[in-house]
Amino acid sequence: MRVLAELPHPECKISIFGMNQKFIIKFEQGTLEQSYKLAEVDVVGGINGVFEMLDEPFIQQVLSIFTQMRGAIIETYNKYQ
């Protein structure tokens, strides 16, 4: 797996990898991580097409999912304390 690009964002780390004819888009926020895999042939324009897909509305959805993930793990953790 090789790093193709990293996109700056104030609320999370965004990395784009290439592996086995797939783009892997990884979002990281603290200890949480989300990954999305796209076949290279399905993305018009290659890596530039991936950049276009990562618009602010999509990133806001990703950040909302991070909030849900954090709440879920805290709730589960607190049940066993």
C-alpha atoms as a PDB file:
ATOM      1  CA  MET A   1       0.000   0.000   0.000  1.00  0.00           C
ATOM      2  CA  ARG A   2       1.417   3.348  -0.954  1.00  0.00           C
ATOM      3  CA  VAL A   3       0.411   6.835   0.118  1.00  0.00           C
ATOM      4  CA  LEU A   4      -0.827   8.835  -2.860  1.00  0.00           C
ATOM      5  CA  ALA A   5      -1.889  12.001  -1.064  1.00  0.00           C
ATOM      6  CA  GLU A   6      -2.756  13.584   2.240  1.00  0.00           C
ATOM      7  CA  LEU A   7      -5.367  16.292   2.425  1.00  0.00           C
ATOM      8  CA  PRO A   8      -5.201  18.883   5.176  1.00  0.00           C
ATOM      9  CA  HIS A   9      -8.312  19.301   7.313  1.00  0.00           C
ATOM     10  CA  PRO A  10      -8.546  20.909  10.760  1.00  0.00           C
ATOM     11  CA  GLU A  11     -10.755  18.192  12.284  1.00  0.00           C
ATOM     12  CA  CYS A  12      -9.301  14.945  10.948  1.00  0.00           C
ATOM     13  CA  LYS A  13      -6.415  13.432   9.033  1.00  0.00           C
ATOM     14  CA  ILE A  14      -7.268  12.409   5.467  1.00  0.00           C
ATOM     15  CA  SER A  15      -4.979  10.023   3.580  1.00  0.00           C
ATOM     16  CA  ILE A  16      -5.433   8.454   0.165  1.00  0.00           C
ATOM     17  CA  PHE A  17      -3.663   5.182  -0.546  1.00  0.00           C
ATOM     18  CA  GLY A  18      -3.342   3.025  -3.635  1.00  0.00           C
ATOM     19  CA  MET A  19      -3.386  -0.767  -3.436  1.00  0.00           C
ATOM     20  CA  ASN A  20      -4.532  -3.587  -5.756  1.00  0.00           C
ATOM     21  CA  GLN A  21      -6.246  -1.258  -8.248  1.00  0.00           C
ATOM     22  CA  LYS A  22      -8.162   0.435  -5.432  1.00  0.00           C
ATOM     23  CA  PHE A  23      -8.106   3.860  -3.855  1.00  0.00           C
ATOM     24  CA  ILE A  24      -8.345   3.631  -0.076  1.00  0.00           C
ATOM     25  CA  ILE A  25      -9.498   6.841   1.577  1.00  0.00           C
ATOM     26  CA  LYS A  26      -8.712   6.852   5.289  1.00  0.00           C
ATOM     27  CA  PHE A  27     -10.021   9.378   7.784  1.00  0.00           C
ATOM     28  CA  GLU A  28      -8.521   9.483  11.282  1.00  0.00           C
ATOM     29  CA  GLN A  29      -9.659  11.396  14.322  1.00  0.00           C
ATOM     30  CA  GLY A  30      -7.876  10.528  17.546  1.00  0.00           C
ATOM     31  CA  THR A  31      -8.205   6.788  18.100  1.00  0.00           C
ATOM     32  CA  LEU A  32     -11.016   6.415  15.563  1.00  0.00           C
ATOM     33  CA  GLU A  33     -10.625   5.541  11.901  1.00  0.00           C
ATOM     34  CA  GLN A  34     -12.899   5.235   8.856  1.00  0.00           C
ATOM     35  CA  SER A  35     -11.846   3.745   5.525  1.00  0.00           C
ATOM     36  CA  TYR A  36     -13.539   3.788   2.145  1.00  0.00           C
ATOM     37  CA  LYS A  37     -12.354   1.643  -0.773  1.00  0.00           C
ATOM     38  CA  LEU A  38     -13.072   2.515  -4.384  1.00  0.00           C
ATOM     39  CA  ALA A  39     -12.019   0.590  -7.469  1.00  0.00           C
ATOM     40  CA  GLU A  40      -9.714   2.771  -9.563  1.00  0.00           C
ATOM     41  CA  VAL A  41     -11.781   2.014 -12.685  1.00  0.00           C
ATOM     42  CA  ASP A  42     -14.901   3.419 -10.967  1.00  0.00           C
ATOM     43  CA  VAL A  43     -13.326   6.831 -10.322  1.00  0.00           C
ATOM     44  CA  VAL A  44     -13.375   9.159 -13.308  1.00  0.00           C
ATOM     45  CA  GLY A  45     -10.169  11.186 -13.445  1.00  0.00           C
ATOM     46  CA  GLY A  46      -8.064   8.964 -11.199  1.00  0.00           C
ATOM     47  CA  ILE A  47      -6.699  10.592  -8.056  1.00  0.00           C
ATOM     48  CA  ASN A  48      -8.105  13.969  -9.132  1.00  0.00           C
ATOM     49  CA  GLY A  49     -11.534  12.353  -9.212  1.00  0.00           C
ATOM     50  CA  VAL A  50     -11.038  11.226  -5.629  1.00  0.00           C
ATOM     51  CA  PHE A  51     -10.151  14.811  -4.646  1.00  0.00           C
ATOM     52  CA  GLU A  52     -13.389  16.031  -6.224  1.00  0.00           C
ATOM     53  CA  MET A  53     -15.420  13.438  -4.318  1.00  0.00           C
ATOM     54  CA  LEU A  54     -14.020  14.586  -0.987  1.00  0.00           C
ATOM     55  CA  ASP A  55     -16.066  17.755  -0.826  1.00  0.00           C
ATOM     56  CA  GLU A  56     -17.028  19.471   2.415  1.00  0.00           C
ATOM     57  CA  PRO A  57     -20.555  17.956   2.652  1.00  0.00           C
ATOM     58  CA  PHE A  58     -19.049  14.445   2.475  1.00  0.00           C
ATOM     59  CA  ILE A  59     -16.376  15.310   5.040  1.00  0.00           C
ATOM     60  CA  GLN A  60     -19.083  16.682   7.365  1.00  0.00           C
ATOM     61  CA  GLN A  61     -20.895  13.324   7.097  1.00  0.00           C
ATOM     62  CA  VAL A  62     -17.645  11.546   8.001  1.00  0.00           C
ATOM     63  CA  LEU A  63     -17.209  13.826  11.025  1.00  0.00           C
ATOM     64  CA  SER A  64     -20.785  13.092  12.103  1.00  0.00           C
ATOM     65  CA  ILE A  65     -20.052   9.365  11.925  1.00  0.00           C
ATOM     66  CA  PHE A  66     -16.980   9.940  14.122  1.00  0.00           C
ATOM     67  CA  THR A  67     -19.283  11.542  16.704  1.00  0.00           C
ATOM     68  CA  GLN A  68     -21.566   8.493  16.587  1.00  0.00           C
ATOM     69  CA  MET A  69     -18.616   6.111  16.829  1.00  0.00           C
ATOM     70  CA  ARG A  70     -17.194   7.960  19.820  1.00  0.00           C
ATOM     71  CA  GLY A  71     -20.575   7.891  21.583  1.00  0.00           C
ATOM     72  CA  ALA A  72     -20.968   4.162  20.932  1.00  0.00           C
ATOM     73  CA  ILE A  73     -17.565   3.213  22.318  1.00  0.00           C
ATOM     74  CA  ILE A  74     -17.953   5.469  25.374  1.00  0.00           C
ATOM     75  CA  GLU A  75     -21.372   3.974  26.097  1.00  0.00           C
ATOM     76  CA  THR A  76     -20.049   0.430  25.780  1.00  0.00           C
ATOM     77  CA  TYR A  77     -16.938   1.213  27.835  1.00  0.00           C
ATOM     78  CA  ASN A  78     -19.024   2.750  30.631  1.00  0.00           C
ATOM     79  CA  LYS A  79     -21.208  -0.391  30.896  1.00  0.00           C
ATOM     80  CA  TYR A  80     -18.167  -2.376  32.002  1.00  0.00           C
ATOM     81  CA  GLN A  81     -16.719   0.068  34.503  1.00  0.00           C
END
